[in-house]
Amino acid sequence: MKTDIEIARETPLLPIAEIAGRLGIPADKIEPYGRYTAKVPESLIDDNKVKQHKLILVTAITPTKAGIGKTTVSVGLALGMNRIGKKTIVALREPSLGPCFGMKGGAAGGGYAQVLPMDKINLHFTGDFHAVTTAHNMIAALLDNYIYQHREEGFAMKEVLWKRVLDVNDRNLRYIVTGLGAKTNGVTMESGFDITPASEIMAILCLAKDLKDLRRRIENILLGTTIEGKPFRVKDLGIAGSICVLLKDALHPNLVQTTEQTPAFVHGGPFANIAHGCNSALATRLALTFGDYVITEAGFGADLGAEKFFDIKCRKNGLQPALTVLVASTQGLKLHGGVPEANIKAPNQDGLREGLKNLDKHIANLKRFGQSVVVCFNRFDFDTDDEIELCRLHCKVLGVGFAVNNAFSEGGKGAEELARLVVDTIEHKPSKPLQYCYPDEASIEEKAEAVATKIYGADGVVFSPAARKMIDKVNEMGISHYPICIAKTQFSFSADAKAYGVPTGFKINIRDIVINCGAEMIVLIAGDIMRMPGLPKSPQAERIDLTPEGEIDGLS
């Protein structure tokens, strides 16, 4: 079969104004970025239509390095639903350059179920990631300058909490020292870098309701504590306006198209293992304004992405998903069933049955939120009919809808079975009103305990002294009502990346806490998760290249 980028290059694209016109968006309302991409103003959002239209979440079992195919299913389902006559839009996150050149190459779907132009989406796109990176680091530079310029007046920081960001996997930058050398080089301080998807600016961009709300949130960003013990925020620097200037264009959602020329909004890019893992609320609301059905996804497995989608994004934006699609694959299930990674493509019904326990745990978790669930089996070329039937019968016993997705090889035609199941389930058994994992008024400890025990299956939570100190600060600031965002490995319900399946008898160790006053959430760092990933021994960058004809190769 052809590679993803070969399929992308061969797919005819329509002018973006025509894609917008299909949605009912006038050409004079969009801002084109080339022929096939445009920014769409959030002022077009109609909240009455948002409430009337149907939102579908796509999530997955606990992911493996072999991949599950969640984005391919999200795009494929949109194609399938449009083929059966349902006006459907897909709303996705933007890929990060870190993983694109690190672990897995592109992140725009796959095969005949992609968002296009995939090369531009995977690379610099409309510059949103660069804008977030620049805005974040501009704050760092202005803070350092303020400390330097006002030190003779007695101003000093007891603690600086604001680090720097870069959209490159670079482990050497996790911990750094700045201001070395002559006094004119600044004040010597410890600092470090997170990856751009972990930036609080990225979270703010994805949670802000409009430009006014963006400014309010930026002003509230906590930068650290003064020598007098007072919180120091962006508004104390007086620079919120200039940061909004850098983010003004990035705030507008991006409109592109799929391999079958259906509309897609691709906007924002927080990771679910170190941030809240959802595309922008603006893009979702804009899609719900113009589409009868909107498909969106949350990063990694349901324990991370879906929990944060419900408890953070939906809670803060009044969103009510009509249905959740849970994606699974035989190779993922087998790995969770104890089959060695080298053998997960070979038939193994015993390993598959054992791995279904991971699927069952995710289904139970989603139902806890009040969601109606259907299981999508993402088919690969090595899957056997017997194993697919085993999964189908298992879901039938559970009373959960089941459909096979073949969109990777067949496009929308291969997702029609799933599309019909989704529409039928929404019509006859839609989700109940969302039941959050914890109430706003619960303490940080209670919220962490609720997620860890109810969603992860842990026996409890252990907080380090450093985390306890930050909880005290949260309580002193009166912001314990913020939702929590747990940063932990995506490869397990536990904080141990190698504990596959459904581990038991463990506790979640919170080693540190990051206060996001602008994003209005409290980030709990669990286990050994790093907010600046490293590169693997053989990064994908070794396989990305330009052909003699100037075409990009290696993005897949």
Protein backbone atom coordinates (compact mmCIF):
# COMPACT_ATOMS: atom_id res chain seq x y z
CA MET A 1 0.00 0.00 0.00
CA LYS A 2 1.10 3.57 -0.63
CA THR A 3 2.55 5.61 2.21
CA ASP A 4 0.51 8.28 3.97
CA ILE A 5 2.39 11.10 2.31
CA GLU A 6 2.05 9.50 -1.15
CA ILE A 7 -1.71 9.27 -0.65
CA ALA A 8 -1.77 12.86 0.58
CA ARG A 9 0.14 14.13 -2.45
CA GLU A 10 -2.15 12.27 -4.88
CA THR A 11 -5.41 13.44 -3.29
CA PRO A 12 -7.04 16.37 -5.14
CA LEU A 13 -7.84 19.25 -2.81
CA LEU A 14 -10.52 21.92 -3.13
CA PRO A 15 -9.83 25.62 -2.58
CA ILE A 16 -10.40 26.36 1.10
CA ALA A 17 -13.05 28.95 0.27
CA GLU A 18 -15.12 26.16 -1.30
CA ILE A 19 -14.72 24.01 1.84
CA ALA A 20 -15.86 26.97 3.95
CA GLY A 21 -18.76 27.57 1.57
CA ARG A 22 -19.98 24.01 2.09
CA LEU A 23 -20.36 24.87 5.76
CA GLY A 24 -22.14 28.14 5.05
CA ILE A 25 -19.13 30.32 5.92
CA PRO A 26 -18.79 33.24 3.45
CA ALA A 27 -15.43 33.58 1.72
CA ASP A 28 -14.99 37.12 3.07
CA LYS A 29 -15.14 35.78 6.64
CA ILE A 30 -12.08 33.53 6.37
CA GLU A 31 -8.39 34.42 6.29
CA PRO A 32 -6.62 32.08 3.82
CA TYR A 33 -3.17 30.71 4.61
CA GLY A 34 -2.34 29.51 1.12
CA ARG A 35 -4.84 27.68 -1.09
CA TYR A 36 -5.96 24.91 1.26
CA THR A 37 -5.90 26.34 4.80
CA ALA A 38 -7.69 29.24 6.45
CA LYS A 39 -8.23 30.86 9.80
CA VAL A 40 -11.88 31.19 10.80
CA PRO A 41 -12.87 33.87 13.34
CA GLU A 42 -14.37 32.63 16.60
CA SER A 43 -16.94 35.44 16.35
CA LEU A 44 -18.95 33.11 14.07
CA ILE A 45 -19.70 30.77 16.99
CA ASP A 46 -23.43 30.48 17.74
CA ASP A 47 -23.90 28.92 21.18
CA ASN A 48 -27.55 28.10 20.46
CA LYS A 49 -26.43 25.87 17.59
CA VAL A 50 -23.61 24.46 19.73
CA LYS A 51 -26.20 23.15 22.19
CA GLN A 52 -28.43 21.72 19.44
CA HIS A 53 -25.78 19.74 17.56
CA LYS A 54 -24.18 16.42 18.53
CA LEU A 55 -20.66 16.08 19.91
CA ILE A 56 -18.88 12.70 19.64
CA LEU A 57 -15.68 11.94 21.53
CA VAL A 58 -13.17 9.45 20.16
CA THR A 59 -10.82 7.95 22.76
CA ALA A 60 -8.94 4.67 23.12
CA ILE A 61 -7.73 1.83 25.28
CA THR A 62 -4.39 2.33 27.00
CA PRO A 63 -2.01 3.06 24.10
CA THR A 64 1.07 1.07 23.19
CA LYS A 65 4.13 1.91 21.13
CA ALA A 66 2.54 -0.19 18.37
CA GLY A 67 -0.20 2.42 18.06
CA ILE A 68 -4.00 2.25 18.25
CA GLY A 69 -5.04 4.56 15.39
CA LYS A 70 -7.33 7.00 17.19
CA THR A 71 -6.84 9.92 14.79
CA THR A 72 -7.37 7.65 11.77
CA VAL A 73 -10.65 6.50 13.32
CA SER A 74 -11.70 10.09 14.10
CA VAL A 75 -11.13 11.19 10.50
CA GLY A 76 -12.55 7.95 9.09
CA LEU A 77 -15.72 8.27 11.15
CA ALA A 78 -16.25 11.80 9.83
CA LEU A 79 -15.85 10.48 6.28
CA GLY A 80 -18.23 7.61 6.94
CA MET A 81 -20.89 9.82 8.48
CA ASN A 82 -20.78 12.24 5.56
CA ARG A 83 -21.13 9.29 3.18
CA ILE A 84 -24.38 8.26 4.88
CA GLY A 85 -25.72 11.80 4.60
CA LYS A 86 -24.86 13.33 7.98
CA LYS A 87 -23.30 16.81 7.98
CA THR A 88 -20.21 16.05 10.04
CA ILE A 89 -17.03 17.95 10.91
CA VAL A 90 -13.94 16.59 12.63
CA ALA A 91 -12.06 18.76 15.17
CA LEU A 92 -8.51 17.67 16.03
CA ARG A 93 -5.34 18.87 17.71
CA GLU A 94 -2.34 20.18 15.81
CA PRO A 95 0.71 17.88 15.70
CA SER A 96 3.83 18.80 17.64
CA LEU A 97 7.20 18.86 15.89
CA GLY A 98 8.69 16.99 18.87
CA PRO A 99 6.94 13.64 18.21
CA CYS A 100 6.91 14.21 14.43
CA PHE A 101 10.72 14.21 14.40
CA GLY A 102 11.02 11.95 17.43
CA MET A 103 8.88 8.87 18.03
CA LYS A 104 6.25 8.49 15.37
CA GLY A 105 6.43 10.84 12.41
CA GLY A 106 3.22 12.60 11.35
CA ALA A 107 0.00 12.92 13.31
CA ALA A 108 -2.74 13.80 10.83
CA GLY A 109 -4.44 10.41 10.52
CA GLY A 110 -3.32 7.73 8.10
CA GLY A 111 -3.93 6.00 4.81
CA TYR A 112 -7.13 7.20 3.17
CA ALA A 113 -8.37 8.83 6.38
CA GLN A 114 -6.20 11.93 6.76
CA VAL A 115 -6.55 15.67 7.22
CA LEU A 116 -4.79 17.59 4.47
CA PRO A 117 -2.45 19.15 3.51
CA MET A 118 -0.72 16.70 5.85
CA ASP A 119 2.83 17.94 5.30
CA LYS A 120 1.95 21.51 6.25
CA ILE A 121 -0.24 20.40 9.19
CA ASN A 122 2.59 18.24 10.53
CA LEU A 123 5.21 20.95 10.13
CA HIS A 124 4.79 24.72 10.64
CA PHE A 125 1.11 24.89 9.57
CA THR A 126 -0.28 28.39 10.37
CA GLY A 127 2.37 29.13 12.98
CA ASP A 128 0.21 28.53 16.05
CA PHE A 129 2.86 26.46 17.85
CA HIS A 130 5.49 29.09 17.08
CA ALA A 131 3.19 31.81 18.44
CA VAL A 132 2.67 29.88 21.67
CA THR A 133 6.41 29.22 21.99
CA THR A 134 7.26 32.88 21.36
CA ALA A 135 4.58 34.20 23.73
CA HIS A 136 5.70 31.86 26.50
CA ASN A 137 9.39 32.72 26.11
CA MET A 138 8.62 36.43 25.76
CA ILE A 139 7.10 36.29 29.23
CA ALA A 140 10.25 34.54 30.51
CA ALA A 141 12.49 37.20 28.95
CA LEU A 142 10.40 40.09 30.27
CA LEU A 143 10.31 38.54 33.75
CA ASP A 144 14.10 38.10 33.77
CA ASN A 145 14.48 41.70 32.59
CA TYR A 146 12.14 42.99 35.30
CA ILE A 147 14.16 41.19 37.99
CA TYR A 148 17.41 42.54 36.52
CA GLN A 149 16.21 46.13 36.09
CA HIS A 150 14.55 46.43 39.52
CA ARG A 151 17.05 44.61 41.73
CA GLU A 152 18.69 47.88 42.82
CA GLU A 153 15.27 48.92 44.15
CA GLY A 154 15.18 45.87 46.39
CA PHE A 155 12.93 43.75 44.18
CA ALA A 156 13.69 40.04 44.23
CA MET A 157 11.91 36.74 43.66
CA LYS A 158 11.91 34.06 46.32
CA GLU A 159 10.78 31.55 43.73
CA VAL A 160 10.41 31.70 39.94
CA LEU A 161 7.89 29.15 38.65
CA TRP A 162 7.85 30.18 34.97
CA LYS A 163 10.16 28.05 32.82
CA ARG A 164 10.76 28.16 29.09
CA VAL A 165 9.38 26.01 26.24
CA LEU A 166 10.54 24.62 22.91
CA ASP A 167 8.70 22.40 20.41
CA VAL A 168 11.64 20.00 20.15
CA ASN A 169 12.32 16.89 22.25
CA ASP A 170 15.53 17.98 23.99
CA ARG A 171 16.36 16.28 27.30
CA ASN A 172 19.49 18.44 27.75
CA LEU A 173 17.28 21.47 28.33
CA ARG A 174 15.16 20.01 31.14
CA TYR A 175 17.28 21.75 33.79
CA ILE A 176 19.49 24.74 32.99
CA VAL A 177 21.16 27.75 34.60
CA THR A 178 20.70 31.20 33.04
CA GLY A 179 22.46 34.51 33.49
CA LEU A 180 26.00 33.15 33.75
CA GLY A 181 29.00 35.37 33.13
CA ALA A 182 29.15 39.13 33.52
CA LYS A 183 26.55 40.99 35.62
CA THR A 184 25.21 42.53 32.42
CA ASN A 185 24.11 39.01 31.34
CA GLY A 186 21.35 39.07 33.95
CA VAL A 187 20.70 37.47 37.30
CA THR A 188 21.97 33.91 37.63
CA MET A 189 19.02 31.54 38.16
CA GLU A 190 18.04 27.93 37.70
CA SER A 191 15.45 27.32 35.00
CA GLY A 192 14.50 24.70 32.43
CA PHE A 193 12.47 23.90 29.34
CA ASP A 194 9.17 22.07 28.86
CA ILE A 195 7.92 21.07 25.43
CA THR A 196 5.54 23.61 23.88
CA PRO A 197 2.42 21.37 24.20
CA ALA A 198 2.96 21.52 27.99
CA SER A 199 3.02 25.33 28.02
CA GLU A 200 0.34 27.03 30.06
CA ILE A 201 -0.07 29.37 27.10
CA MET A 202 -1.09 26.35 25.00
CA ALA A 203 -3.66 25.34 27.64
CA ILE A 204 -4.96 28.91 27.79
CA LEU A 205 -5.26 29.06 24.00
CA CYS A 206 -7.28 25.83 24.06
CA LEU A 207 -9.58 26.84 26.93
CA ALA A 208 -10.16 30.55 26.26
CA LYS A 209 -13.67 31.50 25.15
CA ASP A 210 -12.67 34.64 23.23
CA LEU A 211 -10.01 37.36 23.04
CA LYS A 212 -11.25 39.03 26.22
CA ASP A 213 -11.04 35.74 28.11
CA LEU A 214 -7.58 35.11 26.61
CA ARG A 215 -6.33 38.40 28.06
CA ARG A 216 -7.90 37.74 31.46
CA ARG A 217 -6.24 34.33 31.65
CA ILE A 218 -2.83 35.63 30.55
CA GLU A 219 -2.96 38.37 33.19
CA ASN A 220 -3.60 35.73 35.86
CA ILE A 221 -0.59 33.53 34.99
CA LEU A 222 1.41 32.93 38.17
CA LEU A 223 5.12 33.58 37.55
CA GLY A 224 6.42 33.04 41.06
CA THR A 225 6.59 34.48 44.55
CA THR A 226 8.29 37.73 45.60
CA ILE A 227 10.76 37.97 48.45
CA GLU A 228 7.85 39.25 50.55
CA GLY A 229 5.92 36.06 49.85
CA LYS A 230 3.37 37.64 47.49
CA PRO A 231 2.21 36.00 44.23
CA PHE A 232 3.71 37.68 41.15
CA ARG A 233 1.65 37.47 37.96
CA VAL A 234 1.82 38.60 34.35
CA LYS A 235 -0.47 41.52 35.18
CA ASP A 236 2.21 42.75 37.62
CA LEU A 237 4.61 42.99 34.66
CA GLY A 238 2.04 44.99 32.68
CA ILE A 239 2.65 42.98 29.51
CA ALA A 240 -0.61 41.05 28.95
CA GLY A 241 -1.49 43.24 25.98
CA SER A 242 1.76 42.50 24.16
CA ILE A 243 1.36 38.75 24.74
CA CYS A 244 -2.17 38.91 23.33
CA VAL A 245 -0.72 40.63 20.26
CA LEU A 246 1.53 37.61 19.70
CA LEU A 247 -1.45 35.23 20.07
CA LYS A 248 -4.12 37.21 18.23
CA ASP A 249 -3.98 35.18 15.01
CA ALA A 250 -3.22 31.89 16.77
CA LEU A 251 -6.51 32.18 18.66
CA HIS A 252 -8.52 31.69 15.44
CA PRO A 253 -9.21 28.00 14.60
CA ASN A 254 -7.71 26.51 11.42
CA LEU A 255 -9.96 25.10 8.70
CA VAL A 256 -8.60 22.36 6.42
CA GLN A 257 -10.10 19.31 4.64
CA THR A 258 -9.92 15.54 4.69
CA THR A 259 -8.91 13.06 2.00
CA GLU A 260 -12.57 13.16 0.87
CA GLN A 261 -12.80 16.97 0.98
CA THR A 262 -14.93 17.16 4.13
CA PRO A 263 -14.27 20.07 6.53
CA ALA A 264 -11.91 19.71 9.48
CA PHE A 265 -10.84 22.13 12.21
CA VAL A 266 -7.29 21.51 13.46
CA HIS A 267 -6.36 23.80 16.36
CA GLY A 268 -4.29 23.65 19.54
CA GLY A 269 -2.01 20.86 20.65
CA PRO A 270 -1.61 20.00 24.36
CA PHE A 271 -0.47 16.43 25.10
CA ALA A 272 -2.71 14.34 27.37
CA ASN A 273 0.16 12.77 29.34
CA ILE A 274 1.60 16.13 30.42
CA ALA A 275 -1.28 18.55 29.79
CA HIS A 276 -5.06 18.36 29.22
CA GLY A 277 -4.87 16.72 25.79
CA CYS A 278 -7.74 18.34 23.84
CA ASN A 279 -8.03 20.57 20.80
CA SER A 280 -9.25 24.11 21.43
CA ALA A 281 -12.72 24.67 22.82
CA LEU A 282 -13.11 27.41 20.20
CA ALA A 283 -12.56 24.93 17.36
CA THR A 284 -15.02 22.47 18.90
CA ARG A 285 -17.67 25.16 19.39
CA LEU A 286 -17.08 26.53 15.89
CA ALA A 287 -17.48 23.04 14.43
CA LEU A 288 -20.68 22.54 16.46
CA THR A 289 -22.00 25.80 15.04
CA PHE A 290 -21.71 24.58 11.44
CA GLY A 291 -21.96 20.78 11.70
CA ASP A 292 -24.90 18.66 12.79
CA TYR A 293 -22.37 16.16 14.17
CA VAL A 294 -18.85 16.95 15.39
CA ILE A 295 -16.19 14.34 16.05
CA THR A 296 -13.31 15.25 18.32
CA GLU A 297 -10.65 13.25 20.10
CA ALA A 298 -8.79 13.35 23.39
CA GLY A 299 -5.15 12.32 23.57
CA PHE A 300 -3.85 8.86 24.50
CA GLY A 301 -6.10 6.48 26.45
CA ALA A 302 -9.45 7.26 28.05
CA ASP A 303 -7.89 7.34 31.53
CA LEU A 304 -5.88 10.43 30.52
CA GLY A 305 -7.47 12.22 27.57
CA ALA A 306 -11.13 11.39 28.12
CA GLU A 307 -11.01 12.13 31.87
CA LYS A 308 -9.49 15.56 31.20
CA PHE A 309 -11.86 16.15 28.28
CA PHE A 310 -14.82 15.65 30.61
CA ASP A 311 -13.48 17.10 33.87
CA ILE A 312 -11.71 20.13 32.37
CA LYS A 313 -12.79 21.00 28.82
CA CYS A 314 -16.46 20.03 29.04
CA ARG A 315 -16.86 21.28 32.61
CA LYS A 316 -15.50 24.72 31.72
CA ASN A 317 -17.28 25.09 28.36
CA GLY A 318 -20.66 23.52 29.03
CA LEU A 319 -20.14 20.75 26.48
CA GLN A 320 -22.21 17.55 26.62
CA PRO A 321 -20.97 14.68 24.42
CA ALA A 322 -23.73 12.59 22.90
CA LEU A 323 -21.53 9.50 22.62
CA THR A 324 -17.99 8.21 23.15
CA VAL A 325 -16.23 5.91 20.68
CA LEU A 326 -13.57 3.71 22.29
CA VAL A 327 -10.87 2.58 19.82
CA ALA A 328 -9.08 -0.76 20.22
CA SER A 329 -6.77 -2.93 18.13
CA THR A 330 -5.67 -6.56 18.45
CA GLN A 331 -2.01 -5.67 18.82
CA GLY A 332 -2.79 -3.21 21.61
CA LEU A 333 -5.05 -5.69 23.40
CA LYS A 334 -2.51 -8.50 23.08
CA LEU A 335 0.25 -6.38 24.57
CA HIS A 336 -2.03 -5.66 27.53
CA GLY A 337 -2.76 -9.38 27.66
CA GLY A 338 0.87 -10.26 28.31
CA VAL A 339 1.92 -11.14 24.76
CA PRO A 340 5.54 -10.07 24.04
CA GLU A 341 5.73 -7.04 21.74
CA ALA A 342 7.57 -9.04 19.08
CA ASN A 343 4.58 -11.42 18.78
CA ILE A 344 1.55 -9.12 18.98
CA LYS A 345 0.80 -9.32 15.25
CA ALA A 346 0.51 -13.12 15.34
CA PRO A 347 -2.82 -14.81 16.20
CA ASN A 348 -3.20 -15.36 19.94
CA GLN A 349 -6.74 -15.62 21.24
CA ASP A 350 -5.69 -16.29 24.83
CA GLY A 351 -3.61 -13.13 24.92
CA LEU A 352 -6.43 -11.22 23.25
CA ARG A 353 -8.96 -12.39 25.87
CA GLU A 354 -6.64 -11.35 28.69
CA GLY A 355 -6.13 -7.94 27.04
CA LEU A 356 -9.88 -7.34 26.85
CA LYS A 357 -9.74 -6.60 30.58
CA ASN A 358 -8.08 -3.29 29.67
CA LEU A 359 -10.95 -2.54 27.27
CA ASP A 360 -13.50 -3.42 29.97
CA LYS A 361 -11.90 -1.05 32.48
CA HIS A 362 -12.08 1.85 30.01
CA ILE A 363 -15.71 1.08 29.17
CA ALA A 364 -16.60 1.07 32.88
CA ASN A 365 -14.78 4.38 33.37
CA LEU A 366 -16.60 6.04 30.47
CA LYS A 367 -19.96 4.81 31.73
CA ARG A 368 -19.08 6.32 35.11
CA PHE A 369 -19.16 9.71 33.37
CA GLY A 370 -22.64 8.90 32.02
CA GLN A 371 -21.42 8.15 28.52
CA SER A 372 -22.98 5.79 26.03
CA VAL A 373 -20.07 3.85 24.54
CA VAL A 374 -19.45 2.04 21.27
CA VAL A 375 -16.25 0.12 20.57
CA CYS A 376 -14.45 0.69 17.29
CA PHE A 377 -12.10 -2.10 16.26
CA ASN A 378 -9.38 -0.50 14.16
CA ARG A 379 -8.44 -3.18 11.65
CA PHE A 380 -4.87 -3.81 10.49
CA ASP A 381 -3.89 -6.02 7.56
CA PHE A 382 -2.65 -8.84 9.83
CA ASP A 383 -5.90 -9.14 11.84
CA THR A 384 -7.88 -12.37 11.49
CA ASP A 385 -11.66 -12.73 11.22
CA ASP A 386 -11.67 -15.10 14.21
CA GLU A 387 -10.07 -12.55 16.52
CA ILE A 388 -12.35 -9.78 15.31
CA GLU A 389 -15.35 -12.00 15.99
CA LEU A 390 -14.02 -12.75 19.48
CA CYS A 391 -13.96 -9.00 20.22
CA ARG A 392 -17.41 -8.49 18.71
CA LEU A 393 -18.97 -11.25 20.85
CA HIS A 394 -17.24 -9.91 23.95
CA CYS A 395 -18.78 -6.46 23.40
CA LYS A 396 -22.18 -8.05 22.70
CA VAL A 397 -22.08 -9.75 26.09
CA LEU A 398 -21.29 -6.35 27.67
CA GLY A 399 -24.20 -4.75 25.82
CA VAL A 400 -21.83 -2.37 24.00
CA GLY A 401 -22.04 -1.59 20.29
CA PHE A 402 -19.15 -2.84 18.14
CA ALA A 403 -18.00 -1.93 14.64
CA VAL A 404 -14.91 -2.54 12.52
CA ASN A 405 -13.10 0.43 11.01
CA ASN A 406 -11.42 -0.02 7.60
CA ALA A 407 -11.03 3.69 6.83
CA PHE A 408 -7.24 3.44 6.63
CA SER A 409 -7.45 1.34 3.47
CA GLU A 410 -10.92 2.25 2.18
CA GLY A 411 -11.60 5.82 3.31
CA GLY A 412 -15.17 6.73 4.25
CA LYS A 413 -16.57 3.54 2.73
CA GLY A 414 -14.60 1.54 5.29
CA ALA A 415 -16.18 3.48 8.17
CA GLU A 416 -19.84 3.27 7.15
CA GLU A 417 -20.55 0.41 9.59
CA LEU A 418 -19.17 2.51 12.44
CA ALA A 419 -21.00 5.63 11.22
CA ARG A 420 -24.37 3.88 11.20
CA LEU A 421 -23.75 2.42 14.66
CA VAL A 422 -22.83 5.84 16.02
CA VAL A 423 -25.90 7.56 14.57
CA ASP A 424 -28.22 4.77 15.72
CA THR A 425 -26.81 4.81 19.25
CA ILE A 426 -27.13 8.61 19.53
CA GLU A 427 -30.74 8.44 18.32
CA HIS A 428 -31.84 5.60 20.58
CA LYS A 429 -29.42 5.59 23.52
CA PRO A 430 -27.61 8.93 23.86
CA SER A 431 -25.31 9.71 26.76
CA LYS A 432 -26.73 11.00 30.01
CA PRO A 433 -25.74 14.44 31.33
CA LEU A 434 -22.06 14.41 32.28
CA GLN A 435 -21.24 13.12 35.74
CA TYR A 436 -17.85 14.54 36.67
CA CYS A 437 -15.28 12.54 38.59
CA TYR A 438 -15.25 15.11 41.42
CA PRO A 439 -17.04 18.33 42.41
CA ASP A 440 -15.41 21.75 42.11
CA GLU A 441 -15.47 22.26 45.86
CA ALA A 442 -13.43 19.12 46.64
CA SER A 443 -9.87 19.64 47.88
CA ILE A 444 -6.86 18.96 45.65
CA GLU A 445 -6.19 15.81 47.65
CA GLU A 446 -9.79 14.64 47.25
CA LYS A 447 -9.76 15.30 43.52
CA ALA A 448 -6.52 13.38 43.06
CA GLU A 449 -7.87 10.51 45.15
CA ALA A 450 -11.06 10.41 43.06
CA VAL A 451 -9.26 10.20 39.71
CA ALA A 452 -6.64 7.74 40.99
CA THR A 453 -9.10 5.32 42.61
CA LYS A 454 -12.11 5.62 40.29
CA ILE A 455 -10.33 5.95 36.93
CA TYR A 456 -6.87 4.42 37.37
CA GLY A 457 -7.87 1.72 39.87
CA ALA A 458 -5.17 2.80 42.35
CA ASP A 459 -5.32 2.20 46.09
CA GLY A 460 -4.67 5.86 46.79
CA VAL A 461 -2.35 8.82 46.29
CA VAL A 462 0.94 9.73 47.96
CA PHE A 463 2.13 13.36 47.88
CA SER A 464 5.82 14.29 48.15
CA PRO A 465 6.88 17.12 50.51
CA ALA A 466 7.34 19.39 47.47
CA ALA A 467 3.80 18.60 46.28
CA ARG A 468 2.41 19.21 49.79
CA LYS A 469 4.12 22.60 49.83
CA MET A 470 2.43 23.52 46.54
CA ILE A 471 -0.97 22.35 47.84
CA ASP A 472 -0.51 24.76 50.75
CA LYS A 473 0.16 27.52 48.23
CA VAL A 474 -2.97 26.54 46.26
CA ASN A 475 -5.06 26.74 49.43
CA GLU A 476 -3.52 30.07 50.45
CA MET A 477 -4.38 31.51 47.02
CA GLY A 478 -7.97 30.25 47.25
CA ILE A 479 -7.85 28.31 43.99
CA SER A 480 -8.47 24.75 45.18
CA HIS A 481 -11.73 24.83 43.20
CA TYR A 482 -9.74 24.51 39.95
CA PRO A 483 -9.89 21.09 38.25
CA ILE A 484 -6.79 18.93 38.37
CA CYS A 485 -4.72 17.73 35.42
CA ILE A 486 -2.63 14.67 36.25
CA ALA A 487 0.57 14.29 34.22
CA LYS A 488 1.63 10.64 34.05
CA THR A 489 2.72 7.94 31.64
CA GLN A 490 0.22 7.14 28.90
CA PHE A 491 1.24 3.48 28.71
CA SER A 492 -0.44 2.28 31.92
CA PHE A 493 -3.30 3.00 34.30
CA SER A 494 -0.53 3.28 36.90
CA ALA A 495 2.50 5.59 36.88
CA ASP A 496 4.68 2.63 35.83
CA ALA A 497 4.97 2.63 32.02
CA LYS A 498 5.58 -1.14 31.97
CA ALA A 499 2.53 -2.12 34.05
CA TYR A 500 0.28 -3.19 31.16
CA GLY A 501 -3.27 -4.51 31.30
CA VAL A 502 -5.22 -3.54 34.43
CA PRO A 503 -2.67 -3.26 37.25
CA THR A 504 -3.80 -3.41 40.89
CA GLY A 505 -2.25 -2.85 44.29
CA PHE A 506 -0.48 0.40 43.43
CA LYS A 507 -0.57 4.03 44.52
CA ILE A 508 -0.06 7.17 42.47
CA ASN A 509 2.94 9.16 43.68
CA ILE A 510 2.63 12.91 43.06
CA ARG A 511 6.16 14.30 43.11
CA ASP A 512 5.38 17.93 42.20
CA ILE A 513 2.56 20.33 41.36
CA VAL A 514 2.41 23.14 38.78
CA ILE A 515 -0.10 25.93 39.40
CA ASN A 516 -1.75 27.13 36.18
CA CYS A 517 -3.74 30.19 37.30
CA GLY A 518 -4.27 31.33 33.72
CA ALA A 519 -5.46 27.96 32.45
CA GLU A 520 -7.32 27.59 35.77
CA MET A 521 -6.17 24.08 36.52
CA ILE A 522 -3.70 22.43 38.88
CA VAL A 523 -1.18 20.10 37.19
CA LEU A 524 -0.11 17.12 39.31
CA ILE A 525 3.17 15.48 38.20
CA ALA A 526 2.98 11.72 38.81
CA GLY A 527 5.85 9.22 38.85
CA ASP A 528 8.80 9.91 36.57
CA ILE A 529 6.89 11.62 33.73
CA MET A 530 8.88 14.44 32.11
CA ARG A 531 7.30 17.58 30.64
CA MET A 532 10.22 17.76 28.20
CA PRO A 533 10.45 14.39 26.37
CA GLY A 534 13.72 13.00 25.07
CA LEU A 535 14.49 11.56 21.66
CA PRO A 536 14.71 7.79 21.04
CA LYS A 537 17.90 6.06 19.91
CA SER A 538 16.70 6.20 16.31
CA PRO A 539 14.47 9.30 15.95
CA GLN A 540 12.07 9.71 13.07
CA ALA A 541 14.18 12.69 11.96
CA GLU A 542 16.62 10.15 10.48
CA ARG A 543 13.91 9.12 8.00
CA ILE A 544 12.45 12.52 7.09
CA ASP A 545 14.00 13.99 3.94
CA LEU A 546 13.46 15.93 0.74
CA THR A 547 13.41 14.05 -2.56
CA PRO A 548 15.42 15.36 -5.54
CA GLU A 549 12.14 16.84 -6.77
CA GLY A 550 11.74 18.81 -3.53
CA GLU A 551 8.95 16.64 -2.10
CA ILE A 552 8.86 15.80 1.61
CA ASP A 553 9.30 12.14 2.47
CA GLY A 554 9.20 10.25 5.78
CA LEU A 555 6.15 11.89 7.39
CA SER A 556 3.79 9.00 8.08
